[in-house]
Amino acid sequence: MMGNGIGIDLGTASVLVYIQGKGVVLKEPSVVAFDRETNKIKAIGEEARLMLGRTPGNIVAVRPLRQGVISDYTVTEKMLKYFISKAIGKKHFGRGRRIICVCVPSGVTEVEKKAVEDATYQAGAKEVAIIEEPIAAAIGAGIDITRPCGNMIVDIGGGTTDIAVISLGGTVVSTSIKIAGDDFDEALVRYMRQKHNLLIGERTAEDIKIRIGSAYRRPESISMDVRGRNLVTGLPKTISVSSEETEDALKVTTSQIVEAIHSVLEKTPPELAADIADRGIVLTGGGCLLYGLDALIEEKTGIMTATAEDPMTAVAIGTGKYVEQLSNHKG
């Protein structure tokens, strides 16, 4: 039996949809391609992502969410409607009292929260609940947040990194910084341009990050061939890039995340800080899959750091479990 609850992880890089009784049923990139001349949407999700940087002048592929918040309201609403109907099937769309729970970064303003709510209502929700990302991530990572015990969660998404200390079901100390997975890509683009005079696109940068990107020295160096445009000659060029180079390229960005974790730990009450020292730091979100990021955080803070079992879907699962509880209370 499919429940009425839907949980949505509305991320800068990807959107995940959780359906009550079914689990995570959809994971697609938050990209929309539309025709500038006719203002018609050409593609949404994976199909649109493949068009990034490869479209003719009249077709633009855009990300309607920037740094965890809505930058293009109309496009976000259409994207949400498309993903919800794709996840639940056309014939079920619009039926019944549907509660949709959406997670937002912990630092969003009331105006930004309202924009998410409005877009979700426009996309077909009968009721909308908002949950903060670190709470959803903690629930999804299997942490019992209801106990009077400090847990530290670091959710590194595409546009934001949310860091929170959670106890008794609520956030005690938190911060949200607009530095995350997308910034890793941008740092690699910058490095390639400055060091090798090579211009690469964001998809190539993401490929480098996934395959050889490092936040911490690997036991053995690995490398890959990178293709781009030589800025001096203007012609295509291929060069070999090593994992040590990516470590250099990403150093500034990764240390900003470590600093933010440090500042939250400094503001944490001593009893909860002692709990965190015992229990460790839990990482979630796609950005935490960068090689060695857990080791870097552990080295800099002196606190055991572990990555959640399935970091990519933790927020979506947590949002879904939260909506299930809401549905059960109302049902």
C-alpha atoms as a PDB file:
ATOM      1  CA  MET A   1       0.000   0.000   0.000  1.00  0.00           C
ATOM      2  CA  MET A   2       1.474   3.334  -1.046  1.00  0.00           C
ATOM      3  CA  GLY A   3       1.050   5.948   1.680  1.00  0.00           C
ATOM      4  CA  ASN A   4       0.168   9.584   1.221  1.00  0.00           C
ATOM      5  CA  GLY A   5       3.531  10.827   2.464  1.00  0.00           C
ATOM      6  CA  ILE A   6       6.240  12.022   0.110  1.00  0.00           C
ATOM      7  CA  GLY A   7       9.662  13.193   1.263  1.00  0.00           C
ATOM      8  CA  ILE A   8      11.741  15.361  -1.065  1.00  0.00           C
ATOM      9  CA  ASP A   9      15.424  16.161  -0.767  1.00  0.00           C
ATOM     10  CA  LEU A  10      15.436  19.307  -2.888  1.00  0.00           C
ATOM     11  CA  GLY A  11      19.154  19.644  -3.453  1.00  0.00           C
ATOM     12  CA  THR A  12      21.302  22.011  -5.487  1.00  0.00           C
ATOM     13  CA  ALA A  13      22.864  19.091  -7.372  1.00  0.00           C
ATOM     14  CA  SER A  14      20.079  16.494  -7.332  1.00  0.00           C
ATOM     15  CA  VAL A  15      16.502  15.867  -6.251  1.00  0.00           C
ATOM     16  CA  LEU A  16      15.580  12.648  -4.444  1.00  0.00           C
ATOM     17  CA  VAL A  17      11.989  11.566  -3.871  1.00  0.00           C
ATOM     18  CA  TYR A  18      10.965   9.171  -1.076  1.00  0.00           C
ATOM     19  CA  ILE A  19       7.506   7.611  -1.113  1.00  0.00           C
ATOM     20  CA  GLN A  20       5.940   6.212   2.039  1.00  0.00           C
ATOM     21  CA  GLY A  21       6.022   2.427   1.921  1.00  0.00           C
ATOM     22  CA  LYS A  22       8.367   2.351  -1.077  1.00  0.00           C
ATOM     23  CA  GLY A  23      11.564   4.173  -0.059  1.00  0.00           C
ATOM     24  CA  VAL A  24      13.650   6.345  -2.413  1.00  0.00           C
ATOM     25  CA  VAL A  25      12.087   5.940  -5.847  1.00  0.00           C
ATOM     26  CA  LEU A  26      13.746   8.744  -7.798  1.00  0.00           C
ATOM     27  CA  LYS A  27      17.141  10.429  -7.926  1.00  0.00           C
ATOM     28  CA  GLU A  28      17.739  12.916 -10.718  1.00  0.00           C
ATOM     29  CA  PRO A  29      19.999  15.943 -11.251  1.00  0.00           C
ATOM     30  CA  SER A  30      18.392  19.351 -10.489  1.00  0.00           C
ATOM     31  CA  VAL A  31      18.851  20.579 -14.047  1.00  0.00           C
ATOM     32  CA  VAL A  32      16.254  21.992 -16.442  1.00  0.00           C
ATOM     33  CA  ALA A  33      16.852  22.707 -20.147  1.00  0.00           C
ATOM     34  CA  PHE A  34      14.574  25.202 -21.834  1.00  0.00           C
ATOM     35  CA  ASP A  35      14.272  27.020 -25.139  1.00  0.00           C
ATOM     36  CA  ARG A  36      14.885  30.749 -24.698  1.00  0.00           C
ATOM     37  CA  GLU A  37      12.916  31.673 -27.811  1.00  0.00           C
ATOM     38  CA  THR A  38       9.699  29.790 -27.009  1.00  0.00           C
ATOM     39  CA  ASN A  39      10.227  29.632 -23.206  1.00  0.00           C
ATOM     40  CA  LYS A  40       9.300  25.940 -23.374  1.00  0.00           C
ATOM     41  CA  ILE A  41      11.014  23.318 -21.218  1.00  0.00           C
ATOM     42  CA  LYS A  42      12.952  20.828 -23.353  1.00  0.00           C
ATOM     43  CA  ALA A  43      14.203  18.387 -20.708  1.00  0.00           C
ATOM     44  CA  ILE A  44      14.383  17.893 -16.943  1.00  0.00           C
ATOM     45  CA  GLY A  45      16.765  15.839 -14.812  1.00  0.00           C
ATOM     46  CA  GLU A  46      19.348  13.450 -16.268  1.00  0.00           C
ATOM     47  CA  GLU A  47      18.392  14.252 -19.856  1.00  0.00           C
ATOM     48  CA  ALA A  48      18.935  17.972 -19.168  1.00  0.00           C
ATOM     49  CA  ARG A  49      22.229  17.344 -17.322  1.00  0.00           C
ATOM     50  CA  LEU A  50      23.663  15.709 -20.446  1.00  0.00           C
ATOM     51  CA  MET A  51      22.973  19.007 -22.237  1.00  0.00           C
ATOM     52  CA  LEU A  52      25.032  21.134 -19.784  1.00  0.00           C
ATOM     53  CA  GLY A  53      27.645  23.062 -21.759  1.00  0.00           C
ATOM     54  CA  ARG A  54      26.552  21.370 -24.998  1.00  0.00           C
ATOM     55  CA  THR A  55      23.489  23.295 -26.135  1.00  0.00           C
ATOM     56  CA  PRO A  56      22.932  25.608 -29.131  1.00  0.00           C
ATOM     57  CA  GLY A  57      22.413  29.292 -28.338  1.00  0.00           C
ATOM     58  CA  ASN A  58      18.625  29.175 -27.980  1.00  0.00           C
ATOM     59  CA  ILE A  59      18.586  26.224 -25.529  1.00  0.00           C
ATOM     60  CA  VAL A  60      19.914  26.781 -22.018  1.00  0.00           C
ATOM     61  CA  ALA A  61      20.476  24.135 -19.350  1.00  0.00           C
ATOM     62  CA  VAL A  62      20.120  25.713 -15.894  1.00  0.00           C
ATOM     63  CA  ARG A  63      20.146  24.663 -12.246  1.00  0.00           C
ATOM     64  CA  PRO A  64      17.088  26.369 -10.682  1.00  0.00           C
ATOM     65  CA  LEU A  65      18.572  25.956  -7.182  1.00  0.00           C
ATOM     66  CA  ARG A  66      21.752  27.700  -6.170  1.00  0.00           C
ATOM     67  CA  GLN A  67      23.515  27.092  -2.863  1.00  0.00           C
ATOM     68  CA  GLY A  68      20.536  25.243  -1.411  1.00  0.00           C
ATOM     69  CA  VAL A  69      17.918  27.891  -2.189  1.00  0.00           C
ATOM     70  CA  ILE A  70      15.551  28.594  -5.080  1.00  0.00           C
ATOM     71  CA  SER A  71      17.100  30.964  -7.611  1.00  0.00           C
ATOM     72  CA  ASP A  72      14.424  30.467 -10.272  1.00  0.00           C
ATOM     73  CA  TYR A  73      10.987  30.007  -8.753  1.00  0.00           C
ATOM     74  CA  THR A  74       8.945  29.132 -11.877  1.00  0.00           C
ATOM     75  CA  VAL A  75      11.451  26.579 -13.155  1.00  0.00           C
ATOM     76  CA  THR A  76      11.735  24.969  -9.677  1.00  0.00           C
ATOM     77  CA  GLU A  77       7.957  24.603  -9.478  1.00  0.00           C
ATOM     78  CA  LYS A  78       7.816  22.910 -12.908  1.00  0.00           C
ATOM     79  CA  MET A  79      10.753  20.662 -12.002  1.00  0.00           C
ATOM     80  CA  LEU A  80       9.088  19.631  -8.714  1.00  0.00           C
ATOM     81  CA  LYS A  81       5.781  18.888 -10.470  1.00  0.00           C
ATOM     82  CA  TYR A  82       7.620  16.756 -13.055  1.00  0.00           C
ATOM     83  CA  PHE A  83       9.587  14.764 -10.464  1.00  0.00           C
ATOM     84  CA  ILE A  84       6.565  14.183  -8.190  1.00  0.00           C
ATOM     85  CA  SER A  85       4.387  12.938 -11.064  1.00  0.00           C
ATOM     86  CA  LYS A  86       7.271  10.783 -12.361  1.00  0.00           C
ATOM     87  CA  ALA A  87       7.791   9.266  -8.893  1.00  0.00           C
ATOM     88  CA  ILE A  88       4.150   8.481  -8.120  1.00  0.00           C
ATOM     89  CA  GLY A  89       2.882   7.871 -11.655  1.00  0.00           C
ATOM     90  CA  LYS A  90       0.512  10.027 -13.680  1.00  0.00           C
ATOM     91  CA  LYS A  91      -2.624   8.134 -12.678  1.00  0.00           C
ATOM     92  CA  HIS A  92      -2.057   8.735  -8.939  1.00  0.00           C
ATOM     93  CA  PHE A  93      -1.067  12.370  -9.379  1.00  0.00           C
ATOM     94  CA  GLY A  94      -3.439  14.814  -7.709  1.00  0.00           C
ATOM     95  CA  ARG A  95      -5.331  12.136  -5.775  1.00  0.00           C
ATOM     96  CA  GLY A  96      -5.898  12.091  -2.028  1.00  0.00           C
ATOM     97  CA  ARG A  97      -4.559  14.137   0.875  1.00  0.00           C
ATOM     98  CA  ARG A  98      -0.893  14.187   0.032  1.00  0.00           C
ATOM     99  CA  ILE A  99       1.606  15.398   2.637  1.00  0.00           C
ATOM    100  CA  ILE A 100       4.885  16.459   1.069  1.00  0.00           C
ATOM    101  CA  CYS A 101       7.843  17.074   3.327  1.00  0.00           C
ATOM    102  CA  VAL A 102      10.758  19.051   1.881  1.00  0.00           C
ATOM    103  CA  CYS A 103      14.100  19.615   3.542  1.00  0.00           C
ATOM    104  CA  VAL A 104      15.924  22.951   3.491  1.00  0.00           C
ATOM    105  CA  PRO A 105      19.429  24.024   4.642  1.00  0.00           C
ATOM    106  CA  SER A 106      19.511  25.076   8.307  1.00  0.00           C
ATOM    107  CA  GLY A 107      20.515  28.648   7.446  1.00  0.00           C
ATOM    108  CA  VAL A 108      17.598  29.549   5.152  1.00  0.00           C
ATOM    109  CA  THR A 109      15.572  32.693   5.776  1.00  0.00           C
ATOM    110  CA  GLU A 110      11.793  32.724   6.287  1.00  0.00           C
ATOM    111  CA  VAL A 111      11.389  34.148   2.755  1.00  0.00           C
ATOM    112  CA  GLU A 112      13.426  31.285   1.245  1.00  0.00           C
ATOM    113  CA  LYS A 113      11.452  28.737   3.313  1.00  0.00           C
ATOM    114  CA  LYS A 114       8.179  30.291   2.091  1.00  0.00           C
ATOM    115  CA  ALA A 115       9.373  30.023  -1.531  1.00  0.00           C
ATOM    116  CA  VAL A 116       9.984  26.268  -1.073  1.00  0.00           C
ATOM    117  CA  GLU A 117       6.540  25.847   0.550  1.00  0.00           C
ATOM    118  CA  ASP A 118       4.763  27.784  -2.221  1.00  0.00           C
ATOM    119  CA  ALA A 119       6.547  25.881  -4.992  1.00  0.00           C
ATOM    120  CA  THR A 120       5.590  22.565  -3.336  1.00  0.00           C
ATOM    121  CA  TYR A 121       1.915  23.576  -3.000  1.00  0.00           C
ATOM    122  CA  GLN A 122       1.927  24.662  -6.667  1.00  0.00           C
ATOM    123  CA  ALA A 123       3.412  21.266  -7.579  1.00  0.00           C
ATOM    124  CA  GLY A 124       0.358  19.478  -6.147  1.00  0.00           C
ATOM    125  CA  ALA A 125       0.808  19.089  -2.374  1.00  0.00           C
ATOM    126  CA  LYS A 126      -2.261  19.204  -0.143  1.00  0.00           C
ATOM    127  CA  GLU A 127      -0.067  19.797   2.903  1.00  0.00           C
ATOM    128  CA  VAL A 128       3.580  20.844   3.146  1.00  0.00           C
ATOM    129  CA  ALA A 129       6.026  20.231   6.000  1.00  0.00           C
ATOM    130  CA  ILE A 130       9.531  21.667   6.117  1.00  0.00           C
ATOM    131  CA  ILE A 131      12.407  19.908   7.864  1.00  0.00           C
ATOM    132  CA  GLU A 132      15.960  21.172   8.330  1.00  0.00           C
ATOM    133  CA  GLU A 133      18.609  19.234   6.432  1.00  0.00           C
ATOM    134  CA  PRO A 134      20.804  18.196   9.404  1.00  0.00           C
ATOM    135  CA  ILE A 135      17.787  16.742  11.268  1.00  0.00           C
ATOM    136  CA  ALA A 136      16.723  14.802   8.137  1.00  0.00           C
ATOM    137  CA  ALA A 137      20.318  13.641   7.577  1.00  0.00           C
ATOM    138  CA  ALA A 138      20.608  12.408  11.179  1.00  0.00           C
ATOM    139  CA  ILE A 139      17.316  10.462  10.965  1.00  0.00           C
ATOM    140  CA  GLY A 140      18.380   8.994   7.605  1.00  0.00           C
ATOM    141  CA  ALA A 141      21.786   8.003   8.989  1.00  0.00           C
ATOM    142  CA  GLY A 142      20.030   5.916  11.648  1.00  0.00           C
ATOM    143  CA  ILE A 143      20.766   8.186  14.625  1.00  0.00           C
ATOM    144  CA  ASP A 144      18.146   8.230  17.387  1.00  0.00           C
ATOM    145  CA  ILE A 145      17.784  12.002  17.676  1.00  0.00           C
ATOM    146  CA  THR A 146      15.149  11.839  20.441  1.00  0.00           C
ATOM    147  CA  ARG A 147      17.662  10.883  23.165  1.00  0.00           C
ATOM    148  CA  PRO A 148      19.263  13.535  25.443  1.00  0.00           C
ATOM    149  CA  CYS A 149      22.629  12.924  23.889  1.00  0.00           C
ATOM    150  CA  GLY A 150      24.797  15.040  21.562  1.00  0.00           C
ATOM    151  CA  ASN A 151      25.239  13.959  17.951  1.00  0.00           C
ATOM    152  CA  MET A 152      27.169  15.916  15.362  1.00  0.00           C
ATOM    153  CA  ILE A 153      26.095  15.671  11.766  1.00  0.00           C
ATOM    154  CA  VAL A 154      27.871  17.238   8.776  1.00  0.00           C
ATOM    155  CA  ASP A 155      25.787  17.179   5.586  1.00  0.00           C
ATOM    156  CA  ILE A 156      27.855  18.162   2.535  1.00  0.00           C
ATOM    157  CA  GLY A 157      25.547  18.610  -0.428  1.00  0.00           C
ATOM    158  CA  GLY A 158      26.013  20.294  -3.799  1.00  0.00           C
ATOM    159  CA  GLY A 159      25.447  23.897  -2.738  1.00  0.00           C
ATOM    160  CA  THR A 160      25.623  23.985   1.061  1.00  0.00           C
ATOM    161  CA  THR A 161      27.334  22.239   3.953  1.00  0.00           C
ATOM    162  CA  ASP A 162      25.111  21.978   7.016  1.00  0.00           C
ATOM    163  CA  ILE A 163      26.769  21.299  10.352  1.00  0.00           C
ATOM    164  CA  ALA A 164      24.656  20.698  13.450  1.00  0.00           C
ATOM    165  CA  VAL A 165      24.784  19.333  16.963  1.00  0.00           C
ATOM    166  CA  ILE A 166      21.484  17.568  17.652  1.00  0.00           C
ATOM    167  CA  SER A 167      20.014  16.488  20.982  1.00  0.00           C
ATOM    168  CA  LEU A 168      16.457  15.656  22.125  1.00  0.00           C
ATOM    169  CA  GLY A 169      15.106  15.912  18.569  1.00  0.00           C
ATOM    170  CA  GLY A 170      16.270  19.481  18.037  1.00  0.00           C
ATOM    171  CA  THR A 171      19.271  21.474  16.864  1.00  0.00           C
ATOM    172  CA  VAL A 172      21.421  22.892  19.670  1.00  0.00           C
ATOM    173  CA  VAL A 173      24.149  24.585  17.600  1.00  0.00           C
ATOM    174  CA  SER A 174      24.278  24.769  13.830  1.00  0.00           C
ATOM    175  CA  THR A 175      25.742  26.594  10.897  1.00  0.00           C
ATOM    176  CA  SER A 176      25.179  26.431   7.156  1.00  0.00           C
ATOM    177  CA  ILE A 177      27.926  27.519   4.782  1.00  0.00           C
ATOM    178  CA  LYS A 178      27.553  28.004   1.049  1.00  0.00           C
ATOM    179  CA  ILE A 179      30.585  25.823   0.306  1.00  0.00           C
ATOM    180  CA  ALA A 180      30.069  22.230  -0.846  1.00  0.00           C
ATOM    181  CA  GLY A 181      30.370  19.828  -3.788  1.00  0.00           C
ATOM    182  CA  ASP A 182      29.844  22.480  -6.491  1.00  0.00           C
ATOM    183  CA  ASP A 183      32.706  24.496  -4.998  1.00  0.00           C
ATOM    184  CA  PHE A 184      34.982  21.451  -5.306  1.00  0.00           C
ATOM    185  CA  ASP A 185      34.152  21.451  -9.050  1.00  0.00           C
ATOM    186  CA  GLU A 186      34.760  25.211  -9.360  1.00  0.00           C
ATOM    187  CA  ALA A 187      38.104  24.901  -7.521  1.00  0.00           C
ATOM    188  CA  LEU A 188      39.193  22.234 -10.029  1.00  0.00           C
ATOM    189  CA  VAL A 189      38.125  24.409 -13.001  1.00  0.00           C
ATOM    190  CA  ARG A 190      40.134  27.332 -11.525  1.00  0.00           C
ATOM    191  CA  TYR A 191      43.191  25.171 -10.861  1.00  0.00           C
ATOM    192  CA  MET A 192      43.231  23.729 -14.396  1.00  0.00           C
ATOM    193  CA  ARG A 193      42.982  27.229 -15.860  1.00  0.00           C
ATOM    194  CA  GLN A 194      45.719  28.744 -13.661  1.00  0.00           C
ATOM    195  CA  LYS A 195      48.147  25.818 -13.557  1.00  0.00           C
ATOM    196  CA  HIS A 196      47.717  24.230 -16.985  1.00  0.00           C
ATOM    197  CA  ASN A 197      46.116  26.994 -19.116  1.00  0.00           C
ATOM    198  CA  LEU A 198      43.332  24.491 -19.782  1.00  0.00           C
ATOM    199  CA  LEU A 199      39.684  25.404 -19.846  1.00  0.00           C
ATOM    200  CA  ILE A 200      37.366  22.580 -18.729  1.00  0.00           C
ATOM    201  CA  GLY A 201      33.604  22.421 -18.191  1.00  0.00           C
ATOM    202  CA  GLU A 202      31.764  21.609 -14.963  1.00  0.00           C
ATOM    203  CA  ARG A 203      30.976  18.050 -16.079  1.00  0.00           C
ATOM    204  CA  THR A 204      34.689  17.343 -16.655  1.00  0.00           C
ATOM    205  CA  ALA A 205      35.512  18.896 -13.252  1.00  0.00           C
ATOM    206  CA  GLU A 206      32.925  16.641 -11.600  1.00  0.00           C
ATOM    207  CA  ASP A 207      34.450  13.638 -13.357  1.00  0.00           C
ATOM    208  CA  ILE A 208      37.936  14.544 -12.010  1.00  0.00           C
ATOM    209  CA  LYS A 209      36.479  14.987  -8.495  1.00  0.00           C
ATOM    210  CA  ILE A 210      34.768  11.576  -8.547  1.00  0.00           C
ATOM    211  CA  ARG A 211      37.618   9.622 -10.097  1.00  0.00           C
ATOM    212  CA  ILE A 212      40.802  11.085  -8.587  1.00  0.00           C
ATOM    213  CA  GLY A 213      39.703  13.983  -6.319  1.00  0.00           C
ATOM    214  CA  SER A 214      41.410  13.908  -2.909  1.00  0.00           C
ATOM    215  CA  ALA A 215      41.131  15.853   0.333  1.00  0.00           C
ATOM    216  CA  TYR A 216      43.903  13.795   1.943  1.00  0.00           C
ATOM    217  CA  ARG A 217      47.081  12.173   0.574  1.00  0.00           C
ATOM    218  CA  ARG A 218      46.381   8.777  -1.002  1.00  0.00           C
ATOM    219  CA  PRO A 219      48.729   5.834  -0.244  1.00  0.00           C
ATOM    220  CA  GLU A 220      49.405   5.626  -3.984  1.00  0.00           C
ATOM    221  CA  SER A 221      49.092   8.451  -6.485  1.00  0.00           C
ATOM    222  CA  ILE A 222      46.550   7.948  -9.272  1.00  0.00           C
ATOM    223  CA  SER A 223      46.049  10.042 -12.395  1.00  0.00           C
ATOM    224  CA  MET A 224      43.682  10.514 -15.319  1.00  0.00           C
ATOM    225  CA  ASP A 225      43.707  12.174 -18.730  1.00  0.00           C
ATOM    226  CA  VAL A 226      41.731  15.423 -18.872  1.00  0.00           C
ATOM    227  CA  ARG A 227      40.532  17.005 -22.098  1.00  0.00           C
ATOM    228  CA  GLY A 228      39.825  20.683 -22.487  1.00  0.00           C
ATOM    229  CA  ARG A 229      40.653  23.770 -24.529  1.00  0.00           C
ATOM    230  CA  ASN A 230      44.146  25.234 -24.402  1.00  0.00           C
ATOM    231  CA  LEU A 231      43.744  28.913 -23.491  1.00  0.00           C
ATOM    232  CA  VAL A 232      46.929  29.890 -25.362  1.00  0.00           C
ATOM    233  CA  THR A 233      46.334  28.162 -28.710  1.00  0.00           C
ATOM    234  CA  GLY A 234      42.545  27.882 -28.486  1.00  0.00           C
ATOM    235  CA  LEU A 235      42.800  24.229 -29.592  1.00  0.00           C
ATOM    236  CA  PRO A 236      41.638  21.033 -27.815  1.00  0.00           C
ATOM    237  CA  LYS A 237      44.314  19.534 -25.555  1.00  0.00           C
ATOM    238  CA  THR A 238      44.673  16.485 -23.294  1.00  0.00           C
ATOM    239  CA  ILE A 239      46.846  16.464 -20.173  1.00  0.00           C
ATOM    240  CA  SER A 240      47.440  14.004 -17.347  1.00  0.00           C
ATOM    241  CA  VAL A 241      46.372  15.148 -13.854  1.00  0.00           C
ATOM    242  CA  SER A 242      47.365  13.434 -10.594  1.00  0.00           C
ATOM    243  CA  SER A 243      45.466  12.977  -7.333  1.00  0.00           C
ATOM    244  CA  GLU A 244      48.102  15.142  -5.516  1.00  0.00           C
ATOM    245  CA  GLU A 245      47.217  18.022  -7.825  1.00  0.00           C
ATOM    246  CA  THR A 246      43.536  17.696  -6.929  1.00  0.00           C
ATOM    247  CA  GLU A 247      44.496  17.760  -3.246  1.00  0.00           C
ATOM    248  CA  ASP A 248      46.252  21.111  -3.860  1.00  0.00           C
ATOM    249  CA  ALA A 249      43.334  22.411  -5.917  1.00  0.00           C
ATOM    250  CA  LEU A 250      40.788  21.523  -3.212  1.00  0.00           C
ATOM    251  CA  LYS A 251      42.832  22.552  -0.159  1.00  0.00           C
ATOM    252  CA  VAL A 252      41.216  25.988   0.351  1.00  0.00           C
ATOM    253  CA  THR A 253      37.661  24.640  -0.015  1.00  0.00           C
ATOM    254  CA  THR A 254      38.126  21.596   2.244  1.00  0.00           C
ATOM    255  CA  SER A 255      39.812  23.689   4.948  1.00  0.00           C
ATOM    256  CA  GLN A 256      36.820  26.088   4.965  1.00  0.00           C
ATOM    257  CA  ILE A 257      34.552  23.116   5.759  1.00  0.00           C
ATOM    258  CA  VAL A 258      36.940  21.980   8.522  1.00  0.00           C
ATOM    259  CA  GLU A 259      36.959  25.539   9.964  1.00  0.00           C
ATOM    260  CA  ALA A 260      33.147  25.623  10.018  1.00  0.00           C
ATOM    261  CA  ILE A 261      33.081  22.286  11.911  1.00  0.00           C
ATOM    262  CA  HIS A 262      35.623  23.739  14.336  1.00  0.00           C
ATOM    263  CA  SER A 263      33.486  26.830  14.994  1.00  0.00           C
ATOM    264  CA  VAL A 264      30.387  24.683  15.749  1.00  0.00           C
ATOM    265  CA  LEU A 265      32.419  22.521  18.148  1.00  0.00           C
ATOM    266  CA  GLU A 266      33.626  25.685  19.922  1.00  0.00           C
ATOM    267  CA  LYS A 267      30.010  26.779  20.544  1.00  0.00           C
ATOM    268  CA  THR A 268      28.834  23.329  21.706  1.00  0.00           C
ATOM    269  CA  PRO A 269      27.922  23.009  25.424  1.00  0.00           C
ATOM    270  CA  PRO A 270      30.555  20.916  27.281  1.00  0.00           C
ATOM    271  CA  GLU A 271      28.242  17.952  28.088  1.00  0.00           C
ATOM    272  CA  LEU A 272      27.267  17.575  24.442  1.00  0.00           C
ATOM    273  CA  ALA A 273      30.871  18.094  23.312  1.00  0.00           C
ATOM    274  CA  ALA A 274      31.850  15.140  25.532  1.00  0.00           C
ATOM    275  CA  ASP A 275      29.130  13.020  23.842  1.00  0.00           C
ATOM    276  CA  ILE A 276      30.481  13.970  20.402  1.00  0.00           C
ATOM    277  CA  ALA A 277      34.028  13.068  21.464  1.00  0.00           C
ATOM    278  CA  ASP A 278      32.686   9.605  22.419  1.00  0.00           C
ATOM    279  CA  ARG A 279      30.311   9.045  19.504  1.00  0.00           C
ATOM    280  CA  GLY A 280      32.201  10.810  16.728  1.00  0.00           C
ATOM    281  CA  ILE A 281      31.102  12.966  13.780  1.00  0.00           C
ATOM    282  CA  VAL A 282      28.790  11.535  11.101  1.00  0.00           C
ATOM    283  CA  LEU A 283      29.122  12.711   7.485  1.00  0.00           C
ATOM    284  CA  THR A 284      26.264  12.612   4.960  1.00  0.00           C
ATOM    285  CA  GLY A 285      25.575  14.087   1.513  1.00  0.00           C
ATOM    286  CA  GLY A 286      27.243  13.441  -1.834  1.00  0.00           C
ATOM    287  CA  GLY A 287      30.077  15.895  -1.097  1.00  0.00           C
ATOM    288  CA  CYS A 288      31.381  13.717   1.756  1.00  0.00           C
ATOM    289  CA  LEU A 289      32.291  11.012  -0.782  1.00  0.00           C
ATOM    290  CA  LEU A 290      35.374  13.051  -1.753  1.00  0.00           C
ATOM    291  CA  TYR A 291      38.310  10.747  -0.998  1.00  0.00           C
ATOM    292  CA  GLY A 292      39.932  11.364   2.392  1.00  0.00           C
ATOM    293  CA  LEU A 293      37.563  14.087   3.605  1.00  0.00           C
ATOM    294  CA  ASP A 294      36.651  12.011   6.685  1.00  0.00           C
ATOM    295  CA  ALA A 295      40.376  11.447   7.429  1.00  0.00           C
ATOM    296  CA  LEU A 296      41.089  15.178   7.057  1.00  0.00           C
ATOM    297  CA  ILE A 297      38.275  16.150   9.474  1.00  0.00           C
ATOM    298  CA  GLU A 298      39.397  13.476  11.934  1.00  0.00           C
ATOM    299  CA  GLU A 299      42.996  14.701  11.806  1.00  0.00           C
ATOM    300  CA  LYS A 300      42.085  18.373  12.273  1.00  0.00           C
ATOM    301  CA  THR A 301      39.487  17.887  15.046  1.00  0.00           C
ATOM    302  CA  GLY A 302      40.889  14.831  16.807  1.00  0.00           C
ATOM    303  CA  ILE A 303      37.359  13.325  16.785  1.00  0.00           C
ATOM    304  CA  MET A 304      36.516  10.015  15.116  1.00  0.00           C
ATOM    305  CA  THR A 305      34.729  10.770  11.837  1.00  0.00           C
ATOM    306  CA  ALA A 306      32.622   8.257   9.906  1.00  0.00           C
ATOM    307  CA  THR A 307      30.592   8.421   6.715  1.00  0.00           C
ATOM    308  CA  ALA A 308      26.942   7.313   6.923  1.00  0.00           C
ATOM    309  CA  GLU A 309      26.067   3.994   5.284  1.00  0.00           C
ATOM    310  CA  ASP A 310      24.428   5.572   2.236  1.00  0.00           C
ATOM    311  CA  PRO A 311      25.366   9.261   2.406  1.00  0.00           C
ATOM    312  CA  MET A 312      23.696  10.208  -0.894  1.00  0.00           C
ATOM    313  CA  THR A 313      20.217   9.142   0.207  1.00  0.00           C
ATOM    314  CA  ALA A 314      20.422   9.855   3.979  1.00  0.00           C
ATOM    315  CA  VAL A 315      18.598  13.211   3.746  1.00  0.00           C
ATOM    316  CA  ALA A 316      15.853  11.794   1.489  1.00  0.00           C
ATOM    317  CA  ILE A 317      15.346   8.767   3.774  1.00  0.00           C
ATOM    318  CA  GLY A 318      15.258  11.012   6.856  1.00  0.00           C
ATOM    319  CA  THR A 319      12.729  13.329   5.197  1.00  0.00           C
ATOM    320  CA  GLY A 320      10.642  10.289   4.239  1.00  0.00           C
ATOM    321  CA  LYS A 321      10.707   8.806   7.750  1.00  0.00           C
ATOM    322  CA  TYR A 322       9.699  12.200   9.146  1.00  0.00           C
ATOM    323  CA  VAL A 323       6.717  12.418   6.766  1.00  0.00           C
ATOM    324  CA  GLU A 324       5.725   8.844   7.722  1.00  0.00           C
ATOM    325  CA  GLN A 325       5.552   9.893  11.378  1.00  0.00           C
ATOM    326  CA  LEU A 326       3.447  12.920  10.395  1.00  0.00           C
ATOM    327  CA  SER A 327       1.106  10.739   8.311  1.00  0.00           C
ATOM    328  CA  ASN A 328       0.728   8.248  11.170  1.00  0.00           C
ATOM    329  CA  HIS A 329      -0.122  11.013  13.655  1.00  0.00           C
ATOM    330  CA  LYS A 330      -2.699  12.468  11.269  1.00  0.00           C
ATOM    331  CA  GLY A 331      -3.988   9.121  10.090  1.00  0.00           C
END
